[in-house]
N, C-alpha and C. Protein backbone atom coordinates (compact mmCIF):
# COMPACT_ATOMS: atom_id res chain seq x y z
N MET A 1 -2.63 12.13 -9.72
CA MET A 1 -2.89 11.47 -10.98
C MET A 1 -2.51 9.97 -10.83
N GLY A 2 -1.50 9.69 -10.03
CA GLY A 2 -1.04 8.26 -9.91
C GLY A 2 -2.07 7.40 -9.16
N GLN A 3 -2.98 8.03 -8.41
CA GLN A 3 -4.00 7.31 -7.74
C GLN A 3 -5.21 7.08 -8.60
N PHE A 4 -5.29 7.71 -9.71
CA PHE A 4 -6.53 7.59 -10.57
C PHE A 4 -6.53 6.27 -11.29
N LEU A 5 -5.41 5.83 -11.81
CA LEU A 5 -5.33 4.61 -12.64
C LEU A 5 -5.75 3.37 -11.81
N PRO A 6 -5.18 3.11 -10.60
CA PRO A 6 -5.66 1.95 -9.88
C PRO A 6 -7.10 2.03 -9.50
N GLY A 7 -7.61 3.15 -9.15
CA GLY A 7 -9.00 3.35 -8.77
C GLY A 7 -9.92 3.02 -10.01
N THR A 8 -9.45 3.54 -11.17
CA THR A 8 -10.30 3.23 -12.38
C THR A 8 -10.28 1.75 -12.70
N ALA A 9 -9.12 1.14 -12.52
CA ALA A 9 -9.01 -0.28 -12.78
C ALA A 9 -9.94 -1.09 -11.83
N ILE A 10 -9.94 -0.71 -10.61
CA ILE A 10 -10.84 -1.46 -9.66
C ILE A 10 -12.31 -1.23 -10.00
N LEU A 11 -12.66 0.04 -10.34
CA LEU A 11 -14.08 0.23 -10.71
C LEU A 11 -14.48 -0.60 -12.01
N ARG A 12 -13.56 -0.63 -12.97
CA ARG A 12 -13.88 -1.45 -14.19
C ARG A 12 -13.88 -2.88 -13.86
N ALA A 13 -13.03 -3.34 -12.97
CA ALA A 13 -13.01 -4.81 -12.66
C ALA A 13 -14.30 -5.25 -11.93
N ASN A 14 -14.96 -4.23 -11.26
CA ASN A 14 -16.20 -4.56 -10.61
C ASN A 14 -17.46 -4.19 -11.44
N GLY A 15 -17.20 -3.98 -12.74
CA GLY A 15 -18.40 -3.82 -13.57
C GLY A 15 -18.82 -2.38 -13.80
N TYR A 16 -18.14 -1.40 -13.33
CA TYR A 16 -18.55 -0.01 -13.53
C TYR A 16 -17.84 0.53 -14.78
N ASP A 17 -18.58 1.21 -15.65
CA ASP A 17 -17.99 1.75 -16.89
C ASP A 17 -17.54 3.20 -16.54
N VAL A 18 -16.22 3.33 -16.43
CA VAL A 18 -15.67 4.62 -16.11
C VAL A 18 -14.90 5.20 -17.28
N ALA A 19 -15.20 6.39 -17.67
CA ALA A 19 -14.55 7.03 -18.81
C ALA A 19 -13.27 7.71 -18.29
N ALA A 20 -12.12 7.14 -18.64
CA ALA A 20 -10.89 7.70 -18.17
C ALA A 20 -10.39 8.92 -18.95
N ARG A 21 -10.67 8.91 -20.25
CA ARG A 21 -10.19 9.94 -21.14
C ARG A 21 -10.54 11.38 -20.65
N PRO A 22 -11.79 11.64 -20.29
CA PRO A 22 -12.14 13.08 -19.86
C PRO A 22 -11.34 13.49 -18.58
N VAL A 23 -11.17 12.58 -17.67
CA VAL A 23 -10.49 12.86 -16.42
C VAL A 23 -9.00 13.13 -16.69
N VAL A 24 -8.41 12.26 -17.46
CA VAL A 24 -6.98 12.44 -17.81
C VAL A 24 -6.76 13.75 -18.59
N ALA A 25 -7.66 14.03 -19.57
CA ALA A 25 -7.50 15.25 -20.36
C ALA A 25 -7.69 16.48 -19.54
N LEU A 26 -8.69 16.44 -18.62
CA LEU A 26 -8.93 17.61 -17.76
C LEU A 26 -7.73 17.87 -16.83
N TRP A 27 -7.20 16.74 -16.28
CA TRP A 27 -6.02 16.81 -15.40
C TRP A 27 -4.80 17.40 -16.11
N ALA A 28 -4.60 16.94 -17.37
CA ALA A 28 -3.43 17.41 -18.19
C ALA A 28 -3.60 18.90 -18.50
N LEU A 29 -4.81 19.31 -18.88
CA LEU A 29 -5.12 20.75 -19.18
C LEU A 29 -4.90 21.60 -17.95
N ALA A 30 -5.31 21.08 -16.77
CA ALA A 30 -5.16 21.88 -15.53
C ALA A 30 -3.62 22.08 -15.20
N LEU A 31 -2.82 21.05 -15.48
CA LEU A 31 -1.44 21.14 -15.12
C LEU A 31 -0.53 21.76 -16.23
N LEU A 32 -1.11 21.92 -17.43
CA LEU A 32 -0.35 22.48 -18.45
C LEU A 32 0.31 23.87 -18.19
N PRO A 33 -0.46 24.82 -17.68
CA PRO A 33 0.17 26.14 -17.32
C PRO A 33 1.32 25.97 -16.33
N SER A 34 1.19 25.15 -15.39
CA SER A 34 2.24 24.91 -14.37
C SER A 34 3.49 24.33 -15.03
N GLY A 35 3.27 23.34 -15.87
CA GLY A 35 4.42 22.80 -16.53
C GLY A 35 5.12 23.67 -17.49
N LEU A 36 4.38 24.52 -18.18
CA LEU A 36 4.98 25.47 -19.11
C LEU A 36 5.77 26.54 -18.41
N LEU A 37 5.28 26.95 -17.26
CA LEU A 37 5.95 27.98 -16.49
C LEU A 37 7.01 27.47 -15.53
N GLY A 38 7.28 26.20 -15.56
CA GLY A 38 8.34 25.66 -14.78
C GLY A 38 7.93 25.37 -13.32
N GLY A 39 6.66 25.51 -13.08
CA GLY A 39 6.25 25.21 -11.70
C GLY A 39 6.21 23.72 -11.37
N SER A 40 6.71 23.42 -10.19
CA SER A 40 6.67 22.00 -9.72
C SER A 40 6.60 22.01 -8.25
N PRO A 41 5.66 21.28 -7.68
CA PRO A 41 5.51 21.24 -6.23
C PRO A 41 6.79 20.65 -5.45
N ARG A 42 7.67 20.01 -6.22
CA ARG A 42 8.80 19.34 -5.57
C ARG A 42 10.01 20.23 -5.59
N ARG A 43 9.97 21.40 -6.17
CA ARG A 43 11.16 22.28 -6.19
C ARG A 43 10.83 23.63 -5.53
N PRO A 44 11.72 24.19 -4.73
CA PRO A 44 11.46 25.55 -4.25
C PRO A 44 11.50 26.54 -5.35
N PRO A 45 10.75 27.67 -5.18
CA PRO A 45 10.56 28.65 -6.30
C PRO A 45 11.90 29.19 -6.85
N GLY A 46 12.93 29.40 -6.07
CA GLY A 46 14.14 30.00 -6.57
C GLY A 46 15.16 29.01 -7.02
N HIS A 47 14.84 27.74 -7.08
CA HIS A 47 15.79 26.70 -7.41
C HIS A 47 16.15 26.81 -8.92
N GLY A 48 17.42 26.60 -9.25
CA GLY A 48 17.88 26.73 -10.61
C GLY A 48 17.41 25.68 -11.56
N HIS A 49 16.87 24.52 -11.04
CA HIS A 49 16.40 23.45 -11.97
C HIS A 49 14.89 23.43 -12.10
N ARG A 50 14.23 24.52 -11.83
CA ARG A 50 12.80 24.44 -11.85
C ARG A 50 12.27 24.23 -13.29
N TYR A 51 12.94 24.77 -14.25
CA TYR A 51 12.47 24.62 -15.65
C TYR A 51 12.68 23.20 -16.16
N ALA A 52 13.77 22.62 -15.72
CA ALA A 52 14.05 21.20 -16.08
C ALA A 52 13.01 20.33 -15.38
N ALA A 53 12.63 20.63 -14.19
CA ALA A 53 11.61 19.83 -13.48
C ALA A 53 10.27 19.93 -14.19
N GLY A 54 9.93 21.17 -14.61
CA GLY A 54 8.65 21.30 -15.31
C GLY A 54 8.64 20.59 -16.63
N GLY A 55 9.82 20.59 -17.33
CA GLY A 55 9.91 19.85 -18.63
C GLY A 55 9.81 18.40 -18.38
N ALA A 56 10.47 17.88 -17.33
CA ALA A 56 10.36 16.45 -17.03
C ALA A 56 8.99 16.05 -16.70
N CYS A 57 8.29 16.88 -15.94
CA CYS A 57 6.90 16.58 -15.62
C CYS A 57 6.05 16.52 -16.83
N GLY A 58 6.26 17.48 -17.76
CA GLY A 58 5.52 17.44 -19.01
C GLY A 58 5.80 16.25 -19.86
N ALA A 59 7.11 15.86 -19.90
CA ALA A 59 7.52 14.72 -20.71
C ALA A 59 6.89 13.37 -20.13
N PHE A 60 6.86 13.28 -18.83
CA PHE A 60 6.25 12.15 -18.23
C PHE A 60 4.74 12.07 -18.41
N PHE A 61 4.08 13.22 -18.36
CA PHE A 61 2.71 13.27 -18.64
C PHE A 61 2.37 12.84 -20.07
N LEU A 62 3.21 13.34 -21.04
CA LEU A 62 3.02 12.92 -22.42
C LEU A 62 3.24 11.39 -22.61
N LEU A 63 4.30 10.91 -21.96
CA LEU A 63 4.56 9.46 -22.00
C LEU A 63 3.43 8.62 -21.39
N ASP A 64 2.94 9.14 -20.30
CA ASP A 64 1.77 8.47 -19.63
C ASP A 64 0.61 8.48 -20.57
N ARG A 65 0.35 9.58 -21.25
CA ARG A 65 -0.80 9.66 -22.13
C ARG A 65 -0.62 8.75 -23.33
N LEU A 66 0.59 8.65 -23.87
CA LEU A 66 0.82 7.79 -25.00
C LEU A 66 0.70 6.29 -24.61
N LEU A 67 1.04 5.94 -23.44
CA LEU A 67 1.02 4.52 -22.99
C LEU A 67 -0.25 4.22 -22.19
N ALA A 68 -1.19 5.11 -22.06
CA ALA A 68 -2.38 4.83 -21.21
C ALA A 68 -3.13 3.64 -21.69
N GLY A 69 -3.28 3.49 -23.02
CA GLY A 69 -4.04 2.30 -23.51
C GLY A 69 -3.29 1.01 -23.23
N THR A 70 -2.00 1.02 -23.37
CA THR A 70 -1.17 -0.17 -23.10
C THR A 70 -1.28 -0.57 -21.63
N ILE A 71 -1.18 0.47 -20.77
CA ILE A 71 -1.25 0.24 -19.34
C ILE A 71 -2.61 -0.32 -18.96
N ALA A 72 -3.67 0.25 -19.56
CA ALA A 72 -5.02 -0.20 -19.26
C ALA A 72 -5.21 -1.66 -19.72
N GLN A 73 -4.61 -2.01 -20.89
CA GLN A 73 -4.75 -3.39 -21.40
C GLN A 73 -3.99 -4.33 -20.48
N LEU A 74 -2.83 -3.95 -19.99
CA LEU A 74 -2.07 -4.79 -19.00
C LEU A 74 -2.92 -5.01 -17.75
N LEU A 75 -3.48 -3.94 -17.28
CA LEU A 75 -4.26 -4.05 -16.03
C LEU A 75 -5.53 -4.89 -16.19
N LYS A 76 -6.07 -4.90 -17.44
CA LYS A 76 -7.23 -5.62 -17.74
C LYS A 76 -7.00 -7.13 -17.63
N HIS A 77 -5.79 -7.58 -17.86
CA HIS A 77 -5.47 -8.99 -17.83
C HIS A 77 -5.04 -9.42 -16.43
N LEU A 78 -4.89 -8.54 -15.48
CA LEU A 78 -4.52 -8.92 -14.12
C LEU A 78 -5.70 -9.40 -13.37
N PRO A 79 -5.55 -10.34 -12.42
CA PRO A 79 -6.65 -10.81 -11.60
C PRO A 79 -7.20 -9.61 -10.74
N VAL A 80 -8.45 -9.62 -10.42
CA VAL A 80 -9.02 -8.55 -9.66
C VAL A 80 -8.34 -8.39 -8.30
N ALA A 81 -7.87 -9.49 -7.68
CA ALA A 81 -7.22 -9.37 -6.42
C ALA A 81 -5.93 -8.65 -6.52
N VAL A 82 -5.18 -8.87 -7.62
CA VAL A 82 -3.90 -8.14 -7.82
C VAL A 82 -4.16 -6.64 -8.04
N ILE A 83 -5.17 -6.29 -8.83
CA ILE A 83 -5.50 -4.92 -9.06
C ILE A 83 -5.92 -4.24 -7.77
N ALA A 84 -6.68 -4.91 -6.86
CA ALA A 84 -7.06 -4.36 -5.63
C ALA A 84 -5.85 -4.17 -4.71
N LEU A 85 -4.97 -5.13 -4.81
CA LEU A 85 -3.67 -4.98 -4.05
C LEU A 85 -2.86 -3.78 -4.49
N LEU A 86 -2.71 -3.60 -5.75
CA LEU A 86 -1.94 -2.51 -6.30
C LEU A 86 -2.61 -1.15 -5.99
N ALA A 87 -3.89 -1.12 -6.07
CA ALA A 87 -4.65 0.13 -5.68
C ALA A 87 -4.46 0.42 -4.22
N GLY A 88 -4.59 -0.60 -3.38
CA GLY A 88 -4.36 -0.39 -1.97
C GLY A 88 -2.97 0.11 -1.62
N LEU A 89 -1.98 -0.56 -2.25
CA LEU A 89 -0.62 -0.03 -2.03
C LEU A 89 -0.44 1.36 -2.53
N ALA A 90 -1.02 1.77 -3.61
CA ALA A 90 -0.88 3.12 -4.16
C ALA A 90 -1.55 4.09 -3.23
N LEU A 91 -2.54 3.71 -2.53
CA LEU A 91 -3.34 4.60 -1.67
C LEU A 91 -2.79 4.74 -0.18
N LEU A 92 -1.94 3.77 0.22
CA LEU A 92 -1.50 3.75 1.61
C LEU A 92 -0.83 5.12 2.04
N GLY A 93 0.04 5.61 1.15
CA GLY A 93 0.70 6.88 1.53
C GLY A 93 -0.34 8.02 1.71
N ALA A 94 -1.25 8.10 0.82
CA ALA A 94 -2.30 9.17 0.89
C ALA A 94 -3.17 9.00 2.12
N ILE A 95 -3.49 7.78 2.44
CA ILE A 95 -4.35 7.50 3.63
C ILE A 95 -3.52 7.84 4.87
N MET A 96 -2.30 7.41 5.00
CA MET A 96 -1.48 7.69 6.14
C MET A 96 -1.30 9.21 6.31
N LYS A 97 -1.11 9.96 5.23
CA LYS A 97 -1.00 11.38 5.30
C LYS A 97 -2.25 12.04 5.80
N SER A 98 -3.40 11.51 5.36
CA SER A 98 -4.68 12.03 5.84
C SER A 98 -4.87 11.75 7.28
N LEU A 99 -4.51 10.55 7.74
CA LEU A 99 -4.59 10.26 9.14
C LEU A 99 -3.66 11.13 10.02
N ARG A 100 -2.48 11.42 9.46
CA ARG A 100 -1.56 12.31 10.20
C ARG A 100 -2.13 13.75 10.28
N THR A 101 -2.80 14.18 9.21
CA THR A 101 -3.38 15.46 9.23
C THR A 101 -4.62 15.49 10.14
N LEU A 102 -5.35 14.42 10.15
CA LEU A 102 -6.56 14.33 10.99
C LEU A 102 -6.25 14.41 12.44
N SER A 103 -5.14 13.65 12.86
CA SER A 103 -4.75 13.63 14.30
C SER A 103 -3.30 13.82 14.45
N PRO A 104 -2.87 15.03 14.33
CA PRO A 104 -1.45 15.28 14.41
C PRO A 104 -0.86 14.96 15.79
N GLU A 105 -1.67 14.98 16.83
CA GLU A 105 -1.17 14.69 18.20
C GLU A 105 -1.16 13.20 18.47
N GLY A 106 -1.81 12.42 17.58
CA GLY A 106 -1.83 10.94 17.87
C GLY A 106 -0.50 10.33 17.55
N SER A 107 -0.26 9.22 18.19
CA SER A 107 0.99 8.47 17.97
C SER A 107 0.97 7.71 16.65
N PRO A 108 2.10 7.51 16.12
CA PRO A 108 2.20 6.65 14.87
C PRO A 108 1.58 5.31 15.05
N ALA A 109 1.62 4.73 16.29
CA ALA A 109 0.98 3.38 16.50
C ALA A 109 -0.53 3.49 16.38
N ASP A 110 -1.06 4.59 16.89
CA ASP A 110 -2.54 4.79 16.75
C ASP A 110 -2.97 4.94 15.29
N ARG A 111 -2.14 5.73 14.55
CA ARG A 111 -2.45 5.91 13.11
C ARG A 111 -2.37 4.56 12.35
N GLN A 112 -1.37 3.81 12.74
CA GLN A 112 -1.23 2.47 12.10
C GLN A 112 -2.43 1.52 12.40
N ALA A 113 -2.85 1.62 13.65
CA ALA A 113 -4.00 0.80 14.04
C ALA A 113 -5.26 1.27 13.28
N GLY A 114 -5.40 2.59 13.13
CA GLY A 114 -6.55 3.09 12.35
C GLY A 114 -6.46 2.68 10.89
N LEU A 115 -5.25 2.65 10.30
CA LEU A 115 -5.08 2.25 8.92
C LEU A 115 -5.39 0.75 8.79
N LEU A 116 -4.94 -0.04 9.72
CA LEU A 116 -5.24 -1.45 9.70
C LEU A 116 -6.78 -1.75 9.77
N ALA A 117 -7.43 -1.06 10.64
CA ALA A 117 -8.85 -1.17 10.82
C ALA A 117 -9.57 -0.77 9.56
N PHE A 118 -9.13 0.32 8.93
CA PHE A 118 -9.67 0.79 7.63
C PHE A 118 -9.51 -0.26 6.53
N MET A 119 -8.28 -0.79 6.48
CA MET A 119 -8.01 -1.74 5.45
C MET A 119 -8.87 -3.04 5.57
N VAL A 120 -8.99 -3.55 6.78
CA VAL A 120 -9.78 -4.74 6.99
C VAL A 120 -11.26 -4.44 6.69
N THR A 121 -11.76 -3.31 7.18
CA THR A 121 -13.17 -2.96 6.98
C THR A 121 -13.47 -2.81 5.53
N SER A 122 -12.59 -2.22 4.70
CA SER A 122 -12.90 -1.99 3.33
C SER A 122 -12.57 -3.25 2.48
N SER A 123 -12.06 -4.30 3.07
CA SER A 123 -11.71 -5.53 2.33
C SER A 123 -12.94 -6.35 1.97
N SER A 124 -14.09 -6.14 2.64
CA SER A 124 -15.30 -6.92 2.46
C SER A 124 -15.13 -8.41 2.80
N VAL A 125 -14.16 -8.65 3.67
CA VAL A 125 -13.92 -10.09 4.13
C VAL A 125 -15.04 -10.46 5.12
N SER A 126 -15.44 -11.72 4.99
CA SER A 126 -16.42 -12.28 5.90
C SER A 126 -15.89 -13.58 6.46
N VAL A 127 -15.76 -13.62 7.82
CA VAL A 127 -15.29 -14.86 8.49
C VAL A 127 -16.38 -15.34 9.44
N MET A 128 -16.76 -16.55 9.28
CA MET A 128 -17.76 -17.21 10.10
C MET A 128 -19.14 -16.41 9.96
N GLY A 129 -19.37 -15.86 8.78
CA GLY A 129 -20.62 -15.16 8.50
C GLY A 129 -20.64 -13.75 9.13
N ILE A 130 -19.52 -13.30 9.69
CA ILE A 130 -19.48 -11.96 10.32
C ILE A 130 -18.73 -11.07 9.38
N GLY A 131 -19.28 -9.90 9.06
CA GLY A 131 -18.77 -8.96 8.08
C GLY A 131 -17.52 -8.25 8.47
N SER A 132 -16.98 -7.56 7.46
CA SER A 132 -15.68 -6.84 7.64
C SER A 132 -15.76 -5.72 8.58
N ALA A 133 -16.89 -5.04 8.81
CA ALA A 133 -16.98 -3.93 9.78
C ALA A 133 -16.59 -4.40 11.16
N PHE A 134 -17.15 -5.54 11.54
CA PHE A 134 -16.81 -6.17 12.83
C PHE A 134 -15.29 -6.48 12.89
N TRP A 135 -14.76 -7.13 11.91
CA TRP A 135 -13.41 -7.56 11.91
C TRP A 135 -12.45 -6.38 11.87
N GLY A 136 -12.86 -5.28 11.21
CA GLY A 136 -12.03 -4.08 11.26
C GLY A 136 -11.87 -3.47 12.65
N VAL A 137 -12.99 -3.49 13.39
CA VAL A 137 -12.95 -3.01 14.77
C VAL A 137 -12.02 -3.94 15.60
N VAL A 138 -12.17 -5.25 15.38
CA VAL A 138 -11.38 -6.23 16.14
C VAL A 138 -9.90 -6.01 15.86
N VAL A 139 -9.57 -5.90 14.57
CA VAL A 139 -8.15 -5.68 14.21
C VAL A 139 -7.65 -4.39 14.76
N GLY A 140 -8.43 -3.30 14.67
CA GLY A 140 -8.01 -1.99 15.23
C GLY A 140 -7.70 -2.04 16.69
N ILE A 141 -8.66 -2.71 17.48
CA ILE A 141 -8.45 -2.81 18.89
C ILE A 141 -7.26 -3.71 19.24
N ALA A 142 -7.09 -4.79 18.44
CA ALA A 142 -5.90 -5.67 18.63
C ALA A 142 -4.60 -4.91 18.40
N ALA A 143 -4.61 -4.08 17.35
CA ALA A 143 -3.42 -3.33 17.02
C ALA A 143 -3.03 -2.31 18.07
N VAL A 144 -4.01 -1.65 18.64
CA VAL A 144 -3.77 -0.69 19.73
C VAL A 144 -3.29 -1.45 20.96
N GLY A 145 -3.90 -2.56 21.29
CA GLY A 145 -3.46 -3.36 22.38
C GLY A 145 -2.03 -3.91 22.24
N LEU A 146 -1.69 -4.41 21.06
CA LEU A 146 -0.35 -4.83 20.81
C LEU A 146 0.69 -3.76 20.85
N SER A 147 0.31 -2.54 20.39
CA SER A 147 1.24 -1.44 20.46
C SER A 147 1.47 -0.99 21.92
N ALA A 148 0.39 -1.01 22.70
CA ALA A 148 0.60 -0.71 24.11
C ALA A 148 1.49 -1.74 24.87
N LEU A 149 1.22 -3.01 24.52
CA LEU A 149 2.03 -4.09 25.12
C LEU A 149 3.48 -3.94 24.70
N ALA A 150 3.73 -3.68 23.44
CA ALA A 150 5.08 -3.49 23.00
C ALA A 150 5.83 -2.34 23.66
N ALA A 151 5.05 -1.26 23.87
CA ALA A 151 5.64 -0.10 24.58
C ALA A 151 5.98 -0.43 26.00
N ARG A 152 5.08 -1.17 26.67
CA ARG A 152 5.40 -1.61 28.07
C ARG A 152 6.63 -2.54 28.13
N VAL A 153 6.67 -3.44 27.25
CA VAL A 153 7.88 -4.34 27.16
C VAL A 153 9.14 -3.59 26.90
N LYS A 154 9.02 -2.61 26.03
CA LYS A 154 10.20 -1.82 25.63
C LYS A 154 10.70 -0.98 26.87
N ARG A 155 9.74 -0.48 27.67
CA ARG A 155 10.15 0.33 28.82
C ARG A 155 10.78 -0.52 29.94
N ALA A 156 10.31 -1.77 30.02
CA ALA A 156 10.81 -2.64 31.13
C ALA A 156 12.17 -3.17 30.91
């Protein structure tokens, strides 16, 4: 749910009319049984505080729902670049987890290089008339090269 708000803000900042209410309502309805039964993905099943965790989750969802309009209004007044930055930061953890799942045998340096390449490619930056796809490849190769160089220096 936390990744939905920045994504919606970016879509709206770029002129797309996205209806947030149905998505939030569907998400809340889907999680309602879990919250009422004390289920929480952050607590083991036999833990004594599972009902408190479910209640806290429900309270935060209600608070989020009550403040959704205010949060949207605040985001509306932010510059597009700041919204994109916030969305990118919100998604970094999910992207890194996906990269870890995709290549569990890969080194953290390789995953970081892939993440850097992805970020540059998705930035739509253009330098000297050359698009972001090219610069993403350049940054990814440079990151792998710098990681290999750092590993050699560390071993020496």
